[in-house]
């Protein structure tokens, strides 16, 4: 299946969870905010949320600094 992550098409297998996708992208789930199809996803739902064909994700990660 194909989803869109931050404006780029990404191929992944059916039913992959958001948590697995974040790991494949090299992202720590504790340092990101994810919007799926226009709705913010709570971090505790990352492991239970199966992605579907055509989903659009926006992933923002926190950057420290001062």
PDB file of N, CA and C in Angstrom:
ATOM      1  N   UNK A   1       0.845  -1.174   0.000  1.00  0.00           N
ATOM      2  CA  UNK A   1       0.000   0.000   0.000  1.00  0.00           C
ATOM      3  C   UNK A   1       0.887   1.233   0.000  1.00  0.00           C
ATOM      4  N   UNK A   2       0.305   2.361  -0.312  1.00  0.00           N
ATOM      5  CA  UNK A   2       1.042   3.619  -0.355  1.00  0.00           C
ATOM      6  C   UNK A   2       0.367   4.631   0.564  1.00  0.00           C
ATOM      7  N   UNK A   3       1.190   5.294   1.375  1.00  0.00           N
ATOM      8  CA  UNK A   3       0.721   6.397   2.215  1.00  0.00           C
ATOM      9  C   UNK A   3       1.590   7.615   1.900  1.00  0.00           C
ATOM     10  N   UNK A   4       1.203   8.749   2.415  1.00  0.00           N
ATOM     11  CA  UNK A   4       1.979   9.966   2.222  1.00  0.00           C
ATOM     12  C   UNK A   4       2.478  10.427   3.584  1.00  0.00           C
ATOM     13  N   UNK A   5       3.801  10.596   3.690  1.00  0.00           N
ATOM     14  CA  UNK A   5       4.425  11.035   4.932  1.00  0.00           C
ATOM     15  C   UNK A   5       5.164  12.341   4.646  1.00  0.00           C
ATOM     16  N   UNK A   6       4.704  13.406   5.270  1.00  0.00           N
ATOM     17  CA  UNK A   6       5.306  14.730   5.085  1.00  0.00           C
ATOM     18  C   UNK A   6       5.473  15.082   3.602  1.00  0.00           C
ATOM     19  N   UNK A   7       4.439  14.762   2.823  1.00  0.00           N
ATOM     20  CA  UNK A   7       4.426  15.135   1.418  1.00  0.00           C
ATOM     21  C   UNK A   7       5.101  14.160   0.472  1.00  0.00           C
ATOM     22  N   UNK A   8       5.640  13.046   0.988  1.00  0.00           N
ATOM     23  CA  UNK A   8       6.335  12.065   0.151  1.00  0.00           C
ATOM     24  C   UNK A   8       5.623  10.722   0.218  1.00  0.00           C
ATOM     25  N   UNK A   9       5.461  10.077  -0.934  1.00  0.00           N
ATOM     26  CA  UNK A   9       4.842   8.760  -0.948  1.00  0.00           C
ATOM     27  C   UNK A   9       5.780   7.736  -0.332  1.00  0.00           C
ATOM     28  N   UNK A  10       5.209   6.872   0.506  1.00  0.00           N
ATOM     29  CA  UNK A  10       5.970   5.818   1.170  1.00  0.00           C
ATOM     30  C   UNK A  10       5.210   4.511   0.976  1.00  0.00           C
ATOM     31  N   UNK A  11       5.907   3.472   0.522  1.00  0.00           N
ATOM     32  CA  UNK A  11       5.305   2.156   0.369  1.00  0.00           C
ATOM     33  C   UNK A  11       5.513   1.371   1.655  1.00  0.00           C
ATOM     34  N   UNK A  12       4.478   0.673   2.111  1.00  0.00           N
ATOM     35  CA  UNK A  12       4.581  -0.184   3.284  1.00  0.00           C
ATOM     36  C   UNK A  12       3.525  -1.277   3.167  1.00  0.00           C
ATOM     37  N   UNK A  13       3.703  -2.323   3.981  1.00  0.00           N
ATOM     38  CA  UNK A  13       2.765  -3.443   3.909  1.00  0.00           C
ATOM     39  C   UNK A  13       1.451  -3.088   4.593  1.00  0.00           C
ATOM     40  N   UNK A  14       0.402  -3.767   4.194  1.00  0.00           N
ATOM     41  CA  UNK A  14      -0.919  -3.559   4.789  1.00  0.00           C
ATOM     42  C   UNK A  14      -0.874  -3.804   6.288  1.00  0.00           C
ATOM     43  N   UNK A  15      -1.557  -2.956   7.036  1.00  0.00           N
ATOM     44  CA  UNK A  15      -1.700  -3.142   8.475  1.00  0.00           C
ATOM     45  C   UNK A  15      -0.533  -2.717   9.326  1.00  0.00           C
ATOM     46  N   UNK A  16       0.514  -2.162   8.723  1.00  0.00           N
ATOM     47  CA  UNK A  16       1.650  -1.707   9.529  1.00  0.00           C
ATOM     48  C   UNK A  16       1.160  -0.654  10.516  1.00  0.00           C
ATOM     49  N   UNK A  17       1.682  -0.702  11.740  1.00  0.00           N
ATOM     50  CA  UNK A  17       1.252   0.275  12.739  1.00  0.00           C
ATOM     51  C   UNK A  17       2.067   1.550  12.634  1.00  0.00           C
ATOM     52  N   UNK A  18       1.523   2.583  13.178  1.00  0.00           N
ATOM     53  CA  UNK A  18       2.220   3.862  13.204  1.00  0.00           C
ATOM     54  C   UNK A  18       3.533   3.743  13.974  1.00  0.00           C
ATOM     55  N   UNK A  19       3.544   2.986  15.051  1.00  0.00           N
ATOM     56  CA  UNK A  19       4.757   2.798  15.843  1.00  0.00           C
ATOM     57  C   UNK A  19       5.859   2.139  15.015  1.00  0.00           C
ATOM     58  N   UNK A  20       5.517   1.113  14.245  1.00  0.00           N
ATOM     59  CA  UNK A  20       6.502   0.446  13.389  1.00  0.00           C
ATOM     60  C   UNK A  20       7.015   1.411  12.325  1.00  0.00           C
ATOM     61  N   UNK A  21       6.131   2.163  11.716  1.00  0.00           N
ATOM     62  CA  UNK A  21       6.540   3.126  10.690  1.00  0.00           C
ATOM     63  C   UNK A  21       7.508   4.155  11.265  1.00  0.00           C
ATOM     64  N   UNK A  22       7.223   4.660  12.454  1.00  0.00           N
ATOM     65  CA  UNK A  22       8.134   5.627  13.075  1.00  0.00           C
ATOM     66  C   UNK A  22       9.515   5.012  13.279  1.00  0.00           C
ATOM     67  N   UNK A  23       9.557   3.765  13.742  1.00  0.00           N
ATOM     68  CA  UNK A  23      10.834   3.084  13.927  1.00  0.00           C
ATOM     69  C   UNK A  23      11.602   2.948  12.626  1.00  0.00           C
ATOM     70  N   UNK A  24      10.915   2.623  11.559  1.00  0.00           N
ATOM     71  CA  UNK A  24      11.560   2.485  10.244  1.00  0.00           C
ATOM     72  C   UNK A  24      12.097   3.822   9.739  1.00  0.00           C
ATOM     73  N   UNK A  25      11.456   4.903  10.175  1.00  0.00           N
ATOM     74  CA  UNK A  25      11.899   6.238   9.777  1.00  0.00           C
ATOM     75  C   UNK A  25      13.017   6.753  10.693  1.00  0.00           C
ATOM     76  N   UNK A  26      13.373   5.944  11.694  1.00  0.00           N
ATOM     77  CA  UNK A  26      14.428   6.339  12.627  1.00  0.00           C
ATOM     78  C   UNK A  26      13.985   7.381  13.627  1.00  0.00           C
ATOM     79  N   UNK A  27      12.686   7.430  13.915  1.00  0.00           N
ATOM     80  CA  UNK A  27      12.141   8.441  14.819  1.00  0.00           C
ATOM     81  C   UNK A  27      11.755   7.834  16.161  1.00  0.00           C
ATOM     82  N   UNK A  28      12.063   8.538  17.219  1.00  0.00           N
ATOM     83  CA  UNK A  28      11.694   8.129  18.566  1.00  0.00           C
ATOM     84  C   UNK A  28      10.246   8.553  18.794  1.00  0.00           C
ATOM     85  N   UNK A  29       9.347   7.628  19.090  1.00  0.00           N
ATOM     86  CA  UNK A  29       7.940   7.987  19.256  1.00  0.00           C
ATOM     87  C   UNK A  29       7.680   8.949  20.418  1.00  0.00           C
ATOM     88  N   UNK A  30       8.634   9.074  21.333  1.00  0.00           N
ATOM     89  CA  UNK A  30       8.460  10.007  22.454  1.00  0.00           C
ATOM     90  C   UNK A  30       8.819  11.438  22.086  1.00  0.00           C
ATOM     91  N   UNK A  31       9.388  11.632  20.897  1.00  0.00           N
ATOM     92  CA  UNK A  31       9.814  12.983  20.524  1.00  0.00           C
ATOM     93  C   UNK A  31       9.129  13.483  19.258  1.00  0.00           C
ATOM     94  N   UNK A  32       7.977  12.884  18.921  1.00  0.00           N
ATOM     95  CA  UNK A  32       7.267  13.317  17.719  1.00  0.00           C
ATOM     96  C   UNK A  32       5.798  13.605  18.018  1.00  0.00           C
ATOM     97  N   UNK A  33       5.216  14.387  17.140  1.00  0.00           N
ATOM     98  CA  UNK A  33       3.772  14.595  17.102  1.00  0.00           C
ATOM     99  C   UNK A  33       3.342  14.147  15.713  1.00  0.00           C
ATOM    100  N   UNK A  34       2.259  13.366  15.664  1.00  0.00           N
ATOM    101  CA  UNK A  34       1.798  12.834  14.381  1.00  0.00           C
ATOM    102  C   UNK A  34       0.358  13.270  14.137  1.00  0.00           C
ATOM    103  N   UNK A  35       0.137  13.750  12.922  1.00  0.00           N
ATOM    104  CA  UNK A  35      -1.200  14.080  12.461  1.00  0.00           C
ATOM    105  C   UNK A  35      -1.537  13.082  11.356  1.00  0.00           C
ATOM    106  N   UNK A  36      -2.650  12.393  11.518  1.00  0.00           N
ATOM    107  CA  UNK A  36      -3.100  11.419  10.515  1.00  0.00           C
ATOM    108  C   UNK A  36      -4.403  11.925   9.914  1.00  0.00           C
ATOM    109  N   UNK A  37      -4.382  12.174   8.643  1.00  0.00           N
ATOM    110  CA  UNK A  37      -5.565  12.641   7.918  1.00  0.00           C
ATOM    111  C   UNK A  37      -6.210  13.841   8.611  1.00  0.00           C
ATOM    112  N   UNK A  38      -5.371  14.743   9.104  1.00  0.00           N
ATOM    113  CA  UNK A  38      -5.870  15.978   9.693  1.00  0.00           C
ATOM    114  C   UNK A  38      -6.187  15.930  11.172  1.00  0.00           C
ATOM    115  N   UNK A  39      -5.966  14.786  11.826  1.00  0.00           N
ATOM    116  CA  UNK A  39      -6.271  14.637  13.246  1.00  0.00           C
ATOM    117  C   UNK A  39      -5.018  14.225  14.007  1.00  0.00           C
ATOM    118  N   UNK A  40      -4.740  14.912  15.111  1.00  0.00           N
ATOM    119  CA  UNK A  40      -3.587  14.574  15.945  1.00  0.00           C
ATOM    120  C   UNK A  40      -3.811  13.193  16.572  1.00  0.00           C
ATOM    121  N   UNK A  41      -2.776  12.357  16.535  1.00  0.00           N
ATOM    122  CA  UNK A  41      -2.837  11.012  17.118  1.00  0.00           C
ATOM    123  C   UNK A  41      -2.162  11.051  18.481  1.00  0.00           C
ATOM    124  N   UNK A  42      -2.834  10.543  19.499  1.00  0.00           N
ATOM    125  CA  UNK A  42      -2.239  10.465  20.825  1.00  0.00           C
ATOM    126  C   UNK A  42      -1.117   9.436  20.808  1.00  0.00           C
ATOM    127  N   UNK A  43      -0.014   9.745  21.477  1.00  0.00           N
ATOM    128  CA  UNK A  43       1.165   8.878  21.471  1.00  0.00           C
ATOM    129  C   UNK A  43       0.850   7.465  21.946  1.00  0.00           C
ATOM    130  N   UNK A  44      -0.051   7.329  22.906  1.00  0.00           N
ATOM    131  CA  UNK A  44      -0.366   5.997  23.421  1.00  0.00           C
ATOM    132  C   UNK A  44      -1.098   5.134  22.388  1.00  0.00           C
ATOM    133  N   UNK A  45      -1.571   5.727  21.301  1.00  0.00           N
ATOM    134  CA  UNK A  45      -2.273   4.977  20.254  1.00  0.00           C
ATOM    135  C   UNK A  45      -1.344   4.543  19.114  1.00  0.00           C
ATOM    136  N   UNK A  46      -0.091   4.966  19.121  1.00  0.00           N
ATOM    137  CA  UNK A  46       0.821   4.653  18.017  1.00  0.00           C
ATOM    138  C   UNK A  46       0.925   3.156  17.751  1.00  0.00           C
ATOM    139  N   UNK A  47       1.004   2.342  18.802  1.00  0.00           N
ATOM    140  CA  UNK A  47       1.183   0.904  18.638  1.00  0.00           C
ATOM    141  C   UNK A  47      -0.067   0.173  18.188  1.00  0.00           C
ATOM    142  N   UNK A  48      -1.226   0.768  18.380  1.00  0.00           N
ATOM    143  CA  UNK A  48      -2.494   0.136  18.024  1.00  0.00           C
ATOM    144  C   UNK A  48      -3.053   0.598  16.696  1.00  0.00           C
ATOM    145  N   UNK A  49      -2.524   1.707  16.173  1.00  0.00           N
ATOM    146  CA  UNK A  49      -3.098   2.306  14.977  1.00  0.00           C
ATOM    147  C   UNK A  49      -2.509   1.697  13.712  1.00  0.00           C
ATOM    148  N   UNK A  50      -3.308   0.881  13.040  1.00  0.00           N
ATOM    149  CA  UNK A  50      -2.907   0.340  11.747  1.00  0.00           C
ATOM    150  C   UNK A  50      -3.147   1.372  10.663  1.00  0.00           C
ATOM    151  N   UNK A  51      -2.157   1.537   9.811  1.00  0.00           N
ATOM    152  CA  UNK A  51      -2.283   2.510   8.728  1.00  0.00           C
ATOM    153  C   UNK A  51      -3.026   1.892   7.555  1.00  0.00           C
ATOM    154  N   UNK A  52      -3.660   2.739   6.756  1.00  0.00           N
ATOM    155  CA  UNK A  52      -4.479   2.284   5.634  1.00  0.00           C
ATOM    156  C   UNK A  52      -4.055   2.975   4.354  1.00  0.00           C
ATOM    157  N   UNK A  53      -4.324   2.319   3.242  1.00  0.00           N
ATOM    158  CA  UNK A  53      -4.031   2.875   1.922  1.00  0.00           C
ATOM    159  C   UNK A  53      -4.544   4.303   1.832  1.00  0.00           C
ATOM    160  N   UNK A  54      -3.685   5.202   1.374  1.00  0.00           N
ATOM    161  CA  UNK A  54      -4.089   6.584   1.163  1.00  0.00           C
ATOM    162  C   UNK A  54      -3.988   7.493   2.371  1.00  0.00           C
ATOM    163  N   UNK A  55      -3.603   6.943   3.536  1.00  0.00           N
ATOM    164  CA  UNK A  55      -3.432   7.807   4.714  1.00  0.00           C
ATOM    165  C   UNK A  55      -2.395   8.883   4.422  1.00  0.00           C
ATOM    166  N   UNK A  56      -2.616  10.045   5.018  1.00  0.00           N
ATOM    167  CA  UNK A  56      -1.664  11.140   4.929  1.00  0.00           C
ATOM    168  C   UNK A  56      -1.196  11.467   6.334  1.00  0.00           C
ATOM    169  N   UNK A  57       0.118  11.396   6.552  1.00  0.00           N
ATOM    170  CA  UNK A  57       0.705  11.677   7.854  1.00  0.00           C
ATOM    171  C   UNK A  57       1.587  12.907   7.781  1.00  0.00           C
ATOM    172  N   UNK A  58       1.508  13.709   8.797  1.00  0.00           N
ATOM    173  CA  UNK A  58       2.467  14.793   9.009  1.00  0.00           C
ATOM    174  C   UNK A  58       3.156  14.472  10.326  1.00  0.00           C
ATOM    175  N   UNK A  59       4.466  14.343  10.281  1.00  0.00           N
ATOM    176  CA  UNK A  59       5.233  13.988  11.474  1.00  0.00           C
ATOM    177  C   UNK A  59       6.178  15.130  11.790  1.00  0.00           C
ATOM    178  N   UNK A  60       6.046  15.646  13.002  1.00  0.00           N
ATOM    179  CA  UNK A  60       6.925  16.711  13.479  1.00  0.00           C
ATOM    180  C   UNK A  60       7.724  16.163  14.638  1.00  0.00           C
ATOM    181  N   UNK A  61       9.030  16.445  14.656  1.00  0.00           N
ATOM    182  CA  UNK A  61       9.817  16.002  15.800  1.00  0.00           C
ATOM    183  C   UNK A  61      10.423  17.202  16.490  1.00  0.00           C
ATOM    184  N   UNK A  62      10.563  17.037  17.798  1.00  0.00           N
ATOM    185  CA  UNK A  62      11.071  18.108  18.643  1.00  0.00           C
ATOM    186  C   UNK A  62      12.575  18.237  18.465  1.00  0.00           C
ATOM    187  N   UNK A  63      13.038  19.469  18.419  1.00  0.00           N
ATOM    188  CA  UNK A  63      14.463  19.747  18.318  1.00  0.00           C
ATOM    189  C   UNK A  63      14.824  20.640  19.486  1.00  0.00           C
ATOM    190  N   UNK A  64      15.794  20.208  20.275  1.00  0.00           N
ATOM    191  CA  UNK A  64      16.229  21.010  21.411  1.00  0.00           C
ATOM    192  C   UNK A  64      17.130  22.146  20.961  1.00  0.00           C
ATOM    193  N   UNK A  65      17.253  23.098  21.784  1.00  0.00           N
ATOM    194  CA  UNK A  65      18.128  24.230  21.470  1.00  0.00           C
ATOM    195  C   UNK A  65      17.749  25.430  22.299  1.00  0.00           C
ATOM    196  N   UNK A  66      18.451  26.445  22.103  1.00  0.00           N
ATOM    197  CA  UNK A  66      18.148  27.615  22.903  1.00  0.00           C
ATOM    198  C   UNK A  66      18.513  28.805  22.196  1.00  0.00           C
TER     199      UNK A  66
END
